[in-house]
Every structure is written in structure tokens, then in C-alpha cells.
Amino acid sequence: ATMQLLLESFARGSNSRPHTKQTRHLLHFMIVLAFVGMALSVYLLYGHYAGIHWHICELGTHISCNKLNQQGYSTFYGVPVAFMGVEWFAVLLLVCWSALPEQQPVLHAGLVLWAGLGP
């Protein structure tokens, strides 16, 4: 439903015009999710470099952010995956924020593409 709304907005044409109420709510929701995602990524990035073990991230013997954050899978070519998450959510936040004032199909297309790439 989210992607369909953005694609429909993109298909309407290149003229800038005010958002529908539903599209504005969707963009606000995505901004909130981008802030939450960025906060979690910063939290994990700090834990990665500081080597801190938080109990809040322990959800049992099989689910542990702390264990994952200290393994080889937590980096990609030496760069912490959490850092990539911070960057991804920052771009998502900027694109959503830029698209708020009025409909801009180029930004909507970029948002669909960026969301499709995923963190």
C-alpha cells in the first residue's frame, strides 16, 4: 500500500501540487520510522566501537544484538553495518522531509527506489 501510493503520486505527472492528506500522513510516518531506525543504528554503532554489552538487546539465548555486534558479520569490508544503517536512514529522512512541502514526483520516485534498496 505504501509503495503503491508513492508510485501513483509519481505517475500523476511532473506538476508540483499539494499532497493529499493520506500521502502527508504516510510521509510523516516514514519520517518517524527513519528517526527510530537511525537511533537504533547509532545505538548499535556505539556498542560496536565501545564494546558495551546492553541487557536491553538480549532477547534470549538465540537472539542477541551484543553477540552479533561483536562477530565478523557486523562489518562489511571493515565498515560496521550499523554505520551503513545510519547513512541509509539519514538519506531516507532527508528525502521524506524534502518531499513534504508539495508533491515532487522525482523525490517520490527516489523514495521508492531508496526504500526498495533497503538498509
PDB file of N, CA and C in Angstrom:
ATOM      1  N   ALA A   1       0.832  -1.190   0.000  1.00  0.00           N
ATOM      2  CA  ALA A   1       0.000   0.000   0.000  1.00  0.00           C
ATOM      3  C   ALA A   1       0.879   1.257   0.000  1.00  0.00           C
ATOM      4  N   THR A   2       1.948   1.245   0.782  1.00  0.00           N
ATOM      5  CA  THR A   2       2.836   2.394   0.858  1.00  0.00           C
ATOM      6  C   THR A   2       3.481   2.671  -0.489  1.00  0.00           C
ATOM      7  N   MET A   3       4.053   1.641  -1.079  1.00  0.00           N
ATOM      8  CA  MET A   3       4.724   1.813  -2.369  1.00  0.00           C
ATOM      9  C   MET A   3       3.720   2.194  -3.453  1.00  0.00           C
ATOM     10  N   GLN A   4       2.518   1.631  -3.374  1.00  0.00           N
ATOM     11  CA  GLN A   4       1.509   1.933  -4.382  1.00  0.00           C
ATOM     12  C   GLN A   4       1.124   3.413  -4.336  1.00  0.00           C
ATOM     13  N   LEU A   5       0.967   3.971  -3.124  1.00  0.00           N
ATOM     14  CA  LEU A   5       0.649   5.397  -3.003  1.00  0.00           C
ATOM     15  C   LEU A   5       1.740   6.264  -3.606  1.00  0.00           C
ATOM     16  N   LEU A   6       2.985   5.917  -3.318  1.00  0.00           N
ATOM     17  CA  LEU A   6       4.091   6.707  -3.855  1.00  0.00           C
ATOM     18  C   LEU A   6       4.200   6.567  -5.368  1.00  0.00           C
ATOM     19  N   LEU A   7       3.979   5.359  -5.876  1.00  0.00           N
ATOM     20  CA  LEU A   7       4.028   5.159  -7.329  1.00  0.00           C
ATOM     21  C   LEU A   7       2.892   5.891  -8.025  1.00  0.00           C
ATOM     22  N   GLU A   8       1.700   5.901  -7.424  1.00  0.00           N
ATOM     23  CA  GLU A   8       0.579   6.630  -8.011  1.00  0.00           C
ATOM     24  C   GLU A   8       0.875   8.127  -8.050  1.00  0.00           C
ATOM     25  N   SER A   9       1.499   8.628  -6.988  1.00  0.00           N
ATOM     26  CA  SER A   9       1.882  10.037  -6.949  1.00  0.00           C
ATOM     27  C   SER A   9       2.883  10.345  -8.058  1.00  0.00           C
ATOM     28  N   PHE A  10       3.821   9.436  -8.281  1.00  0.00           N
ATOM     29  CA  PHE A  10       4.813   9.613  -9.337  1.00  0.00           C
ATOM     30  C   PHE A  10       4.157   9.592 -10.717  1.00  0.00           C
ATOM     31  N   ALA A  11       3.153   8.726 -10.894  1.00  0.00           N
ATOM     32  CA  ALA A  11       2.506   8.567 -12.196  1.00  0.00           C
ATOM     33  C   ALA A  11       1.609   9.748 -12.568  1.00  0.00           C
ATOM     34  N   ARG A  12       1.237  10.576 -11.593  1.00  0.00           N
ATOM     35  CA  ARG A  12       0.325  11.684 -11.869  1.00  0.00           C
ATOM     36  C   ARG A  12       0.944  12.781 -12.723  1.00  0.00           C
ATOM     37  N   GLY A  13       2.245  12.830 -12.794  1.00  0.00           N
ATOM     38  CA  GLY A  13       2.862  13.851 -13.630  1.00  0.00           C
ATOM     39  C   GLY A  13       3.894  14.663 -12.882  1.00  0.00           C
ATOM     40  N   SER A  14       4.499  15.596 -13.597  1.00  0.00           N
ATOM     41  CA  SER A  14       5.614  16.345 -13.029  1.00  0.00           C
ATOM     42  C   SER A  14       5.191  17.664 -12.395  1.00  0.00           C
ATOM     43  N   ASN A  15       3.911  18.020 -12.440  1.00  0.00           N
ATOM     44  CA  ASN A  15       3.478  19.274 -11.839  1.00  0.00           C
ATOM     45  C   ASN A  15       3.472  19.156 -10.326  1.00  0.00           C
ATOM     46  N   SER A  16       4.060  20.141  -9.653  1.00  0.00           N
ATOM     47  CA  SER A  16       4.032  20.158  -8.194  1.00  0.00           C
ATOM     48  C   SER A  16       2.671  20.633  -7.738  1.00  0.00           C
ATOM     49  N   ARG A  17       2.120  19.950  -6.750  1.00  0.00           N
ATOM     50  CA  ARG A  17       0.829  20.340  -6.185  1.00  0.00           C
ATOM     51  C   ARG A  17       0.768  19.835  -4.750  1.00  0.00           C
ATOM     52  N   PRO A  18      -0.184  20.330  -3.973  1.00  0.00           N
ATOM     53  CA  PRO A  18      -0.260  19.914  -2.578  1.00  0.00           C
ATOM     54  C   PRO A  18      -0.497  18.406  -2.435  1.00  0.00           C
ATOM     55  N   HIS A  19       0.009  17.859  -1.343  1.00  0.00           N
ATOM     56  CA  HIS A  19      -0.189  16.438  -1.054  1.00  0.00           C
ATOM     57  C   HIS A  19      -1.621  16.173  -0.633  1.00  0.00           C
ATOM     58  N   THR A  20      -2.052  14.949  -0.846  1.00  0.00           N
ATOM     59  CA  THR A  20      -3.304  14.519  -0.251  1.00  0.00           C
ATOM     60  C   THR A  20      -3.040  14.278   1.227  1.00  0.00           C
ATOM     61  N   LYS A  21      -4.098  14.245   2.009  1.00  0.00           N
ATOM     62  CA  LYS A  21      -3.964  14.031   3.447  1.00  0.00           C
ATOM     63  C   LYS A  21      -3.312  12.683   3.731  1.00  0.00           C
ATOM     64  N   GLN A  22      -3.680  11.677   2.953  1.00  0.00           N
ATOM     65  CA  GLN A  22      -3.145  10.327   3.148  1.00  0.00           C
ATOM     66  C   GLN A  22      -1.635  10.287   2.852  1.00  0.00           C
ATOM     67  N   THR A  23      -1.204  10.968   1.817  1.00  0.00           N
ATOM     68  CA  THR A  23       0.215  10.993   1.467  1.00  0.00           C
ATOM     69  C   THR A  23       1.027  11.724   2.538  1.00  0.00           C
ATOM     70  N   ARG A  24       0.485  12.830   3.064  1.00  0.00           N
ATOM     71  CA  ARG A  24       1.192  13.557   4.130  1.00  0.00           C
ATOM     72  C   ARG A  24       1.342  12.689   5.374  1.00  0.00           C
ATOM     73  N   HIS A  25       0.277  11.967   5.733  1.00  0.00           N
ATOM     74  CA  HIS A  25       0.355  11.073   6.894  1.00  0.00           C
ATOM     75  C   HIS A  25       1.402   9.988   6.658  1.00  0.00           C
ATOM     76  N   LEU A  26       1.447   9.471   5.458  1.00  0.00           N
ATOM     77  CA  LEU A  26       2.420   8.444   5.115  1.00  0.00           C
ATOM     78  C   LEU A  26       3.845   8.978   5.227  1.00  0.00           C
ATOM     79  N   LEU A  27       4.081  10.171   4.717  1.00  0.00           N
ATOM     80  CA  LEU A  27       5.411  10.771   4.815  1.00  0.00           C
ATOM     81  C   LEU A  27       5.792  11.043   6.268  1.00  0.00           C
ATOM     82  N   HIS A  28       4.853  11.527   7.073  1.00  0.00           N
ATOM     83  CA  HIS A  28       5.135  11.742   8.495  1.00  0.00           C
ATOM     84  C   HIS A  28       5.476  10.425   9.185  1.00  0.00           C
ATOM     85  N   PHE A  29       4.744   9.379   8.874  1.00  0.00           N
ATOM     86  CA  PHE A  29       5.005   8.062   9.457  1.00  0.00           C
ATOM     87  C   PHE A  29       6.395   7.562   9.058  1.00  0.00           C
ATOM     88  N   MET A  30       6.762   7.758   7.804  1.00  0.00           N
ATOM     89  CA  MET A  30       8.075   7.327   7.336  1.00  0.00           C
ATOM     90  C   MET A  30       9.190   8.137   7.998  1.00  0.00           C
ATOM     91  N   ILE A  31       8.949   9.408   8.277  1.00  0.00           N
ATOM     92  CA  ILE A  31       9.933  10.233   8.978  1.00  0.00           C
ATOM     93  C   ILE A  31      10.143   9.705  10.395  1.00  0.00           C
ATOM     94  N   VAL A  32       9.059   9.352  11.070  1.00  0.00           N
ATOM     95  CA  VAL A  32       9.172   8.788  12.422  1.00  0.00           C
ATOM     96  C   VAL A  32       9.959   7.478  12.381  1.00  0.00           C
ATOM     97  N   LEU A  33       9.634   6.610  11.417  1.00  0.00           N
ATOM     98  CA  LEU A  33      10.355   5.342  11.301  1.00  0.00           C
ATOM     99  C   LEU A  33      11.835   5.566  10.969  1.00  0.00           C
ATOM    100  N   ALA A  34      12.132   6.577  10.160  1.00  0.00           N
ATOM    101  CA  ALA A  34      13.525   6.879   9.834  1.00  0.00           C
ATOM    102  C   ALA A  34      14.286   7.330  11.080  1.00  0.00           C
ATOM    103  N   PHE A  35      13.648   8.144  11.926  1.00  0.00           N
ATOM    104  CA  PHE A  35      14.285   8.555  13.185  1.00  0.00           C
ATOM    105  C   PHE A  35      14.537   7.353  14.091  1.00  0.00           C
ATOM    106  N   VAL A  36      13.550   6.467  14.197  1.00  0.00           N
ATOM    107  CA  VAL A  36      13.702   5.277  15.040  1.00  0.00           C
ATOM    108  C   VAL A  36      14.826   4.391  14.498  1.00  0.00           C
ATOM    109  N   GLY A  37      14.841   4.167  13.194  1.00  0.00           N
ATOM    110  CA  GLY A  37      15.883   3.350  12.576  1.00  0.00           C
ATOM    111  C   GLY A  37      17.266   3.953  12.760  1.00  0.00           C
ATOM    112  N   MET A  38      17.351   5.284  12.629  1.00  0.00           N
ATOM    113  CA  MET A  38      18.648   5.937  12.806  1.00  0.00           C
ATOM    114  C   MET A  38      19.094   5.838  14.266  1.00  0.00           C
ATOM    115  N   ALA A  39      18.179   6.007  15.197  1.00  0.00           N
ATOM    116  CA  ALA A  39      18.527   5.910  16.618  1.00  0.00           C
ATOM    117  C   ALA A  39      19.026   4.502  16.961  1.00  0.00           C
ATOM    118  N   LEU A  40      18.355   3.485  16.453  1.00  0.00           N
ATOM    119  CA  LEU A  40      18.798   2.108  16.701  1.00  0.00           C
ATOM    120  C   LEU A  40      20.159   1.839  16.067  1.00  0.00           C
ATOM    121  N   SER A  41      20.373   2.365  14.880  1.00  0.00           N
ATOM    122  CA  SER A  41      21.663   2.179  14.211  1.00  0.00           C
ATOM    123  C   SER A  41      22.796   2.873  14.964  1.00  0.00           C
ATOM    124  N   VAL A  42      22.537   4.076  15.470  1.00  0.00           N
ATOM    125  CA  VAL A  42      23.543   4.791  16.264  1.00  0.00           C
ATOM    126  C   VAL A  42      23.827   4.011  17.547  1.00  0.00           C
ATOM    127  N   TYR A  43      22.795   3.490  18.172  1.00  0.00           N
ATOM    128  CA  TYR A  43      22.914   2.669  19.384  1.00  0.00           C
ATOM    129  C   TYR A  43      23.816   1.467  19.128  1.00  0.00           C
ATOM    130  N   LEU A  44      23.576   0.760  18.026  1.00  0.00           N
ATOM    131  CA  LEU A  44      24.394  -0.409  17.686  1.00  0.00           C
ATOM    132  C   LEU A  44      25.809  -0.020  17.273  1.00  0.00           C
ATOM    133  N   LEU A  45      25.954   1.103  16.598  1.00  0.00           N
ATOM    134  CA  LEU A  45      27.284   1.572  16.194  1.00  0.00           C
ATOM    135  C   LEU A  45      28.125   1.926  17.426  1.00  0.00           C
ATOM    136  N   TYR A  46      27.517   2.600  18.376  1.00  0.00           N
ATOM    137  CA  TYR A  46      28.220   2.934  19.616  1.00  0.00           C
ATOM    138  C   TYR A  46      28.631   1.656  20.352  1.00  0.00           C
ATOM    139  N   GLY A  47      27.715   0.713  20.419  1.00  0.00           N
ATOM    140  CA  GLY A  47      28.027  -0.567  21.066  1.00  0.00           C
ATOM    141  C   GLY A  47      29.138  -1.315  20.348  1.00  0.00           C
ATOM    142  N   HIS A  48      29.184  -1.198  19.040  1.00  0.00           N
ATOM    143  CA  HIS A  48      30.224  -1.870  18.254  1.00  0.00           C
ATOM    144  C   HIS A  48      31.610  -1.333  18.607  1.00  0.00           C
ATOM    145  N   TYR A  49      31.740  -0.010  18.633  1.00  0.00           N
ATOM    146  CA  TYR A  49      33.046   0.585  18.901  1.00  0.00           C
ATOM    147  C   TYR A  49      33.417   0.575  20.376  1.00  0.00           C
ATOM    148  N   ALA A  50      32.438   0.748  21.253  1.00  0.00           N
ATOM    149  CA  ALA A  50      32.729   0.814  22.683  1.00  0.00           C
ATOM    150  C   ALA A  50      32.827  -0.572  23.310  1.00  0.00           C
ATOM    151  N   GLY A  51      32.311  -1.577  22.629  1.00  0.00           N
ATOM    152  CA  GLY A  51      32.338  -2.926  23.172  1.00  0.00           C
ATOM    153  C   GLY A  51      31.420  -3.093  24.370  1.00  0.00           C
ATOM    154  N   ILE A  52      30.403  -2.263  24.446  1.00  0.00           N
ATOM    155  CA  ILE A  52      29.467  -2.291  25.576  1.00  0.00           C
ATOM    156  C   ILE A  52      28.407  -3.364  25.329  1.00  0.00           C
ATOM    157  N   HIS A  53      28.067  -4.077  26.372  1.00  0.00           N
ATOM    158  CA  HIS A  53      27.007  -5.086  26.297  1.00  0.00           C
ATOM    159  C   HIS A  53      25.794  -4.567  27.058  1.00  0.00           C
ATOM    160  N   TRP A  54      24.711  -4.353  26.335  1.00  0.00           N
ATOM    161  CA  TRP A  54      23.474  -3.870  26.946  1.00  0.00           C
ATOM    162  C   TRP A  54      22.527  -5.032  27.136  1.00  0.00           C
ATOM    163  N   HIS A  55      21.892  -5.062  28.265  1.00  0.00           N
ATOM    164  CA  HIS A  55      20.925  -6.130  28.537  1.00  0.00           C
ATOM    165  C   HIS A  55      19.615  -5.909  27.793  1.00  0.00           C
ATOM    166  N   ILE A  56      19.376  -4.679  27.372  1.00  0.00           N
ATOM    167  CA  ILE A  56      18.130  -4.383  26.663  1.00  0.00           C
ATOM    168  C   ILE A  56      18.062  -5.114  25.320  1.00  0.00           C
ATOM    169  N   CYS A  57      19.218  -5.477  24.806  1.00  0.00           N
ATOM    170  CA  CYS A  57      19.292  -6.106  23.494  1.00  0.00           C
ATOM    171  C   CYS A  57      19.317  -7.634  23.575  1.00  0.00           C
ATOM    172  N   GLU A  58      19.259  -8.182  24.762  1.00  0.00           N
ATOM    173  CA  GLU A  58      19.271  -9.634  24.942  1.00  0.00           C
ATOM    174  C   GLU A  58      17.836 -10.137  24.993  1.00  0.00           C
ATOM    175  N   LEU A  59      17.448 -10.908  23.992  1.00  0.00           N
ATOM    176  CA  LEU A  59      16.084 -11.437  23.934  1.00  0.00           C
ATOM    177  C   LEU A  59      16.065 -12.952  24.090  1.00  0.00           C
ATOM    178  N   GLY A  60      17.076 -13.498  24.668  1.00  0.00           N
ATOM    179  CA  GLY A  60      17.162 -14.936  24.867  1.00  0.00           C
ATOM    180  C   GLY A  60      18.527 -15.444  24.447  1.00  0.00           C
ATOM    181  N   THR A  61      18.666 -16.764  24.453  1.00  0.00           N
ATOM    182  CA  THR A  61      19.956 -17.346  24.116  1.00  0.00           C
ATOM    183  C   THR A  61      20.257 -17.280  22.620  1.00  0.00           C
ATOM    184  N   HIS A  62      19.218 -17.251  21.809  1.00  0.00           N
ATOM    185  CA  HIS A  62      19.417 -17.270  20.356  1.00  0.00           C
ATOM    186  C   HIS A  62      19.329 -15.891  19.709  1.00  0.00           C
ATOM    187  N   ILE A  63      18.771 -14.929  20.405  1.00  0.00           N
ATOM    188  CA  ILE A  63      18.629 -13.589  19.852  1.00  0.00           C
ATOM    189  C   ILE A  63      19.410 -12.617  20.728  1.00  0.00           C
ATOM    190  N   SER A  64      20.520 -12.115  20.191  1.00  0.00           N
ATOM    191  CA  SER A  64      21.381 -11.222  20.957  1.00  0.00           C
ATOM    192  C   SER A  64      22.068 -10.236  20.023  1.00  0.00           C
ATOM    193  N   CYS A  65      21.732  -8.969  20.166  1.00  0.00           N
ATOM    194  CA  CYS A  65      22.411  -7.935  19.374  1.00  0.00           C
ATOM    195  C   CYS A  65      23.872  -7.837  19.779  1.00  0.00           C
ATOM    196  N   ASN A  66      24.143  -8.070  21.049  1.00  0.00           N
ATOM    197  CA  ASN A  66      25.519  -7.969  21.542  1.00  0.00           C
ATOM    198  C   ASN A  66      26.423  -9.001  20.879  1.00  0.00           C
ATOM    199  N   LYS A  67      25.958 -10.232  20.784  1.00  0.00           N
ATOM    200  CA  LYS A  67      26.766 -11.276  20.142  1.00  0.00           C
ATOM    201  C   LYS A  67      26.986 -10.949  18.672  1.00  0.00           C
ATOM    202  N   LEU A  68      25.938 -10.526  18.005  1.00  0.00           N
ATOM    203  CA  LEU A  68      26.037 -10.209  16.582  1.00  0.00           C
ATOM    204  C   LEU A  68      26.949  -9.003  16.352  1.00  0.00           C
ATOM    205  N   ASN A  69      26.857  -8.017  17.229  1.00  0.00           N
ATOM    206  CA  ASN A  69      27.623  -6.792  17.081  1.00  0.00           C
ATOM    207  C   ASN A  69      29.127  -7.012  17.247  1.00  0.00           C
ATOM    208  N   GLN A  70      29.532  -8.116  17.867  1.00  0.00           N
ATOM    209  CA  GLN A  70      30.943  -8.392  18.094  1.00  0.00           C
ATOM    210  C   GLN A  70      31.496  -9.458  17.146  1.00  0.00           C
ATOM    211  N   GLN A  71      30.666  -9.998  16.253  1.00  0.00           N
ATOM    212  CA  GLN A  71      31.121 -11.021  15.310  1.00  0.00           C
ATOM    213  C   GLN A  71      31.582 -10.389  14.007  1.00  0.00           C
ATOM    214  N   GLY A  72      32.149 -11.228  13.155  1.00  0.00           N
ATOM    215  CA  GLY A  72      32.620 -10.778  11.847  1.00  0.00           C
ATOM    216  C   GLY A  72      31.506 -10.317  10.929  1.00  0.00           C
ATOM    217  N   TYR A  73      30.277 -10.777  11.185  1.00  0.00           N
ATOM    218  CA  TYR A  73      29.145 -10.388  10.348  1.00  0.00           C
ATOM    219  C   TYR A  73      28.690  -8.959  10.600  1.00  0.00           C
ATOM    220  N   SER A  74      29.251  -8.312  11.604  1.00  0.00           N
ATOM    221  CA  SER A  74      28.828  -6.949  11.920  1.00  0.00           C
ATOM    222  C   SER A  74      29.581  -5.908  11.092  1.00  0.00           C
ATOM    223  N   THR A  75      30.505  -6.359  10.239  1.00  0.00           N
ATOM    224  CA  THR A  75      31.231  -5.431   9.364  1.00  0.00           C
ATOM    225  C   THR A  75      31.164  -5.916   7.921  1.00  0.00           C
ATOM    226  N   PHE A  76      31.310  -4.974   7.008  1.00  0.00           N
ATOM    227  CA  PHE A  76      31.353  -5.255   5.582  1.00  0.00           C
ATOM    228  C   PHE A  76      32.550  -4.504   5.034  1.00  0.00           C
ATOM    229  N   TYR A  77      33.599  -5.230   4.678  1.00  0.00           N
ATOM    230  CA  TYR A  77      34.861  -4.636   4.243  1.00  0.00           C
ATOM    231  C   TYR A  77      35.395  -3.644   5.287  1.00  0.00           C
ATOM    232  N   GLY A  78      35.286  -4.027   6.539  1.00  0.00           N
ATOM    233  CA  GLY A  78      35.811  -3.217   7.624  1.00  0.00           C
ATOM    234  C   GLY A  78      34.903  -2.104   8.118  1.00  0.00           C
ATOM    235  N   VAL A  79      33.777  -1.882   7.456  1.00  0.00           N
ATOM    236  CA  VAL A  79      32.839  -0.826   7.855  1.00  0.00           C
ATOM    237  C   VAL A  79      31.695  -1.477   8.631  1.00  0.00           C
ATOM    238  N   PRO A  80      31.404  -1.004   9.844  1.00  0.00           N
ATOM    239  CA  PRO A  80      30.291  -1.576  10.604  1.00  0.00           C
ATOM    240  C   PRO A  80      28.965  -1.435   9.852  1.00  0.00           C
ATOM    241  N   VAL A  81      28.197  -2.497   9.852  1.00  0.00           N
ATOM    242  CA  VAL A  81      26.900  -2.491   9.182  1.00  0.00           C
ATOM    243  C   VAL A  81      25.983  -1.444   9.815  1.00  0.00           C
ATOM    244  N   ALA A  82      26.135  -1.220  11.108  1.00  0.00           N
ATOM    245  CA  ALA A  82      25.333  -0.202  11.789  1.00  0.00           C
ATOM    246  C   ALA A  82      25.606   1.189  11.211  1.00  0.00           C
ATOM    247  N   PHE A  83      26.836   1.466  10.793  1.00  0.00           N
ATOM    248  CA  PHE A  83      27.159   2.748  10.167  1.00  0.00           C
ATOM    249  C   PHE A  83      26.406   2.888   8.839  1.00  0.00           C
ATOM    250  N   MET A  84      26.333   1.803   8.087  1.00  0.00           N
ATOM    251  CA  MET A  84      25.580   1.830   6.834  1.00  0.00           C
ATOM    252  C   MET A  84      24.095   2.090   7.112  1.00  0.00           C
ATOM    253  N   GLY A  85      23.604   1.550   8.228  1.00  0.00           N
ATOM    254  CA  GLY A  85      22.224   1.805   8.629  1.00  0.00           C
ATOM    255  C   GLY A  85      21.993   3.273   8.947  1.00  0.00           C
ATOM    256  N   VAL A  86      22.934   3.894   9.635  1.00  0.00           N
ATOM    257  CA  VAL A  86      22.819   5.323   9.947  1.00  0.00           C
ATOM    258  C   VAL A  86      22.742   6.126   8.657  1.00  0.00           C
ATOM    259  N   GLU A  87      23.617   5.817   7.710  1.00  0.00           N
ATOM    260  CA  GLU A  87      23.603   6.536   6.424  1.00  0.00           C
ATOM    261  C   GLU A  87      22.293   6.320   5.683  1.00  0.00           C
ATOM    262  N   TRP A  88      21.830   5.068   5.634  1.00  0.00           N
ATOM    263  CA  TRP A  88      20.607   4.745   4.879  1.00  0.00           C
ATOM    264  C   TRP A  88      19.412   5.496   5.463  1.00  0.00           C
ATOM    265  N   PHE A  89      19.268   5.455   6.787  1.00  0.00           N
ATOM    266  CA  PHE A  89      18.134   6.136   7.415  1.00  0.00           C
ATOM    267  C   PHE A  89      18.255   7.648   7.312  1.00  0.00           C
ATOM    268  N   ALA A  90      19.466   8.188   7.299  1.00  0.00           N
ATOM    269  CA  ALA A  90      19.646   9.632   7.123  1.00  0.00           C
ATOM    270  C   ALA A  90      19.177  10.068   5.737  1.00  0.00           C
ATOM    271  N   VAL A  91      19.521   9.309   4.713  1.00  0.00           N
ATOM    272  CA  VAL A  91      19.063   9.642   3.352  1.00  0.00           C
ATOM    273  C   VAL A  91      17.544   9.515   3.267  1.00  0.00           C
ATOM    274  N   LEU A  92      16.988   8.457   3.856  1.00  0.00           N
ATOM    275  CA  LEU A  92      15.528   8.284   3.860  1.00  0.00           C
ATOM    276  C   LEU A  92      14.857   9.478   4.531  1.00  0.00           C
ATOM    277  N   LEU A  93      15.400   9.911   5.652  1.00  0.00           N
ATOM    278  CA  LEU A  93      14.846  11.052   6.371  1.00  0.00           C
ATOM    279  C   LEU A  93      14.901  12.313   5.512  1.00  0.00           C
ATOM    280  N   LEU A  94      16.024  12.557   4.860  1.00  0.00           N
ATOM    281  CA  LEU A  94      16.158  13.754   4.015  1.00  0.00           C
ATOM    282  C   LEU A  94      15.203  13.730   2.825  1.00  0.00           C
ATOM    283  N   VAL A  95      15.059  12.581   2.199  1.00  0.00           N
ATOM    284  CA  VAL A  95      14.159  12.502   1.036  1.00  0.00           C
ATOM    285  C   VAL A  95      12.712  12.697   1.470  1.00  0.00           C
ATOM    286  N   CYS A  96      12.310  12.061   2.570  1.00  0.00           N
ATOM    287  CA  CYS A  96      10.935  12.229   3.062  1.00  0.00           C
ATOM    288  C   CYS A  96      10.678  13.676   3.468  1.00  0.00           C
ATOM    289  N   TRP A  97      11.632  14.273   4.171  1.00  0.00           N
ATOM    290  CA  TRP A  97      11.484  15.660   4.614  1.00  0.00           C
ATOM    291  C   TRP A  97      11.393  16.600   3.416  1.00  0.00           C
ATOM    292  N   SER A  98      12.192  16.351   2.391  1.00  0.00           N
ATOM    293  CA  SER A  98      12.171  17.200   1.191  1.00  0.00           C
ATOM    294  C   SER A  98      10.880  17.057   0.415  1.00  0.00           C
ATOM    295  N   ALA A  99      10.247  15.902   0.499  1.00  0.00           N
ATOM    296  CA  ALA A  99       9.020  15.659  -0.251  1.00  0.00           C
ATOM    297  C   ALA A  99       7.790  16.215   0.461  1.00  0.00           C
ATOM    298  N   LEU A 100       7.919  16.644   1.708  1.00  0.00           N
ATOM    299  CA  LEU A 100       6.761  17.112   2.471  1.00  0.00           C
ATOM    300  C   LEU A 100       6.071  18.360   1.922  1.00  0.00           C
ATOM    301  N   PRO A 101       6.781  19.425   1.537  1.00  0.00           N
ATOM    302  CA  PRO A 101       6.085  20.664   1.184  1.00  0.00           C
ATOM    303  C   PRO A 101       5.070  20.522   0.042  1.00  0.00           C
ATOM    304  N   GLU A 102       5.411  19.815  -0.995  1.00  0.00           N
ATOM    305  CA  GLU A 102       4.490  19.620  -2.117  1.00  0.00           C
ATOM    306  C   GLU A 102       4.892  18.362  -2.870  1.00  0.00           C
ATOM    307  N   GLN A 103       3.991  17.902  -3.700  1.00  0.00           N
ATOM    308  CA  GLN A 103       4.291  16.689  -4.463  1.00  0.00           C
ATOM    309  C   GLN A 103       5.392  16.966  -5.464  1.00  0.00           C
ATOM    310  N   GLN A 104       6.412  16.176  -5.375  1.00  0.00           N
ATOM    311  CA  GLN A 104       7.518  16.269  -6.312  1.00  0.00           C
ATOM    312  C   GLN A 104       7.790  14.855  -6.806  1.00  0.00           C
ATOM    313  N   PRO A 105       7.288  14.509  -7.971  1.00  0.00           N
ATOM    314  CA  PRO A 105       7.406  13.137  -8.459  1.00  0.00           C
ATOM    315  C   PRO A 105       8.821  12.592  -8.497  1.00  0.00           C
ATOM    316  N   VAL A 106       9.806  13.454  -8.743  1.00  0.00           N
ATOM    317  CA  VAL A 106      11.194  12.974  -8.766  1.00  0.00           C
ATOM    318  C   VAL A 106      11.591  12.470  -7.383  1.00  0.00           C
ATOM    319  N   LEU A 107      11.220  13.215  -6.334  1.00  0.00           N
ATOM    320  CA  LEU A 107      11.520  12.776  -4.975  1.00  0.00           C
ATOM    321  C   LEU A 107      10.754  11.510  -4.626  1.00  0.00           C
ATOM    322  N   HIS A 108       9.519  11.405  -5.076  1.00  0.00           N
ATOM    323  CA  HIS A 108       8.732  10.202  -4.800  1.00  0.00           C
ATOM    324  C   HIS A 108       9.349   8.984  -5.478  1.00  0.00           C
ATOM    325  N   ALA A 109       9.814   9.169  -6.705  1.00  0.00           N
ATOM    326  CA  ALA A 109      10.474   8.065  -7.404  1.00  0.00           C
ATOM    327  C   ALA A 109      11.768   7.676  -6.684  1.00  0.00           C
ATOM    328  N   GLY A 110      12.518   8.682  -6.225  1.00  0.00           N
ATOM    329  CA  GLY A 110      13.728   8.415  -5.461  1.00  0.00           C
ATOM    330  C   GLY A 110      13.435   7.712  -4.164  1.00  0.00           C
ATOM    331  N   LEU A 111      12.340   8.066  -3.517  1.00  0.00           N
ATOM    332  CA  LEU A 111      11.941   7.431  -2.274  1.00  0.00           C
ATOM    333  C   LEU A 111      11.580   5.973  -2.488  1.00  0.00           C
ATOM    334  N   VAL A 112      10.856   5.689  -3.544  1.00  0.00           N
ATOM    335  CA  VAL A 112      10.505   4.300  -3.873  1.00  0.00           C
ATOM    336  C   VAL A 112      11.764   3.494  -4.160  1.00  0.00           C
ATOM    337  N   LEU A 113      12.664   4.053  -4.928  1.00  0.00           N
ATOM    338  CA  LEU A 113      13.909   3.371  -5.254  1.00  0.00           C
ATOM    339  C   LEU A 113      14.747   3.135  -3.998  1.00  0.00           C
ATOM    340  N   TRP A 114      14.902   4.157  -3.171  1.00  0.00           N
ATOM    341  CA  TRP A 114      15.713   4.040  -1.953  1.00  0.00           C
ATOM    342  C   TRP A 114      15.106   3.026  -0.984  1.00  0.00           C
ATOM    343  N   ALA A 115      13.796   3.058  -0.832  1.00  0.00           N
ATOM    344  CA  ALA A 115      13.135   2.096   0.064  1.00  0.00           C
ATOM    345  C   ALA A 115      13.276   0.670  -0.471  1.00  0.00           C
ATOM    346  N   GLY A 116      13.286   0.534  -1.778  1.00  0.00           N
ATOM    347  CA  GLY A 116      13.458  -0.788  -2.376  1.00  0.00           C
ATOM    348  C   GLY A 116      14.855  -1.360  -2.156  1.00  0.00           C
ATOM    349  N   LEU A 117      15.851  -0.489  -2.058  1.00  0.00           N
ATOM    350  CA  LEU A 117      17.217  -0.959  -1.819  1.00  0.00           C
ATOM    351  C   LEU A 117      17.387  -1.512  -0.410  1.00  0.00           C
ATOM    352  N   GLY A 118      16.694  -0.899   0.547  1.00  0.00           N
ATOM    353  CA  GLY A 118      16.734  -1.364   1.928  1.00  0.00           C
ATOM    354  C   GLY A 118      18.065  -1.133   2.607  1.00  0.00           C
ATOM    355  N   PRO A 119      18.042  -1.162   3.958  1.00  0.00           N
ATOM    356  CA  PRO A 119      19.283  -0.927   4.694  1.00  0.00           C
ATOM    357  C   PRO A 119      20.207  -2.135   4.679  1.00  0.00           C
TER     358      PRO A 119
END
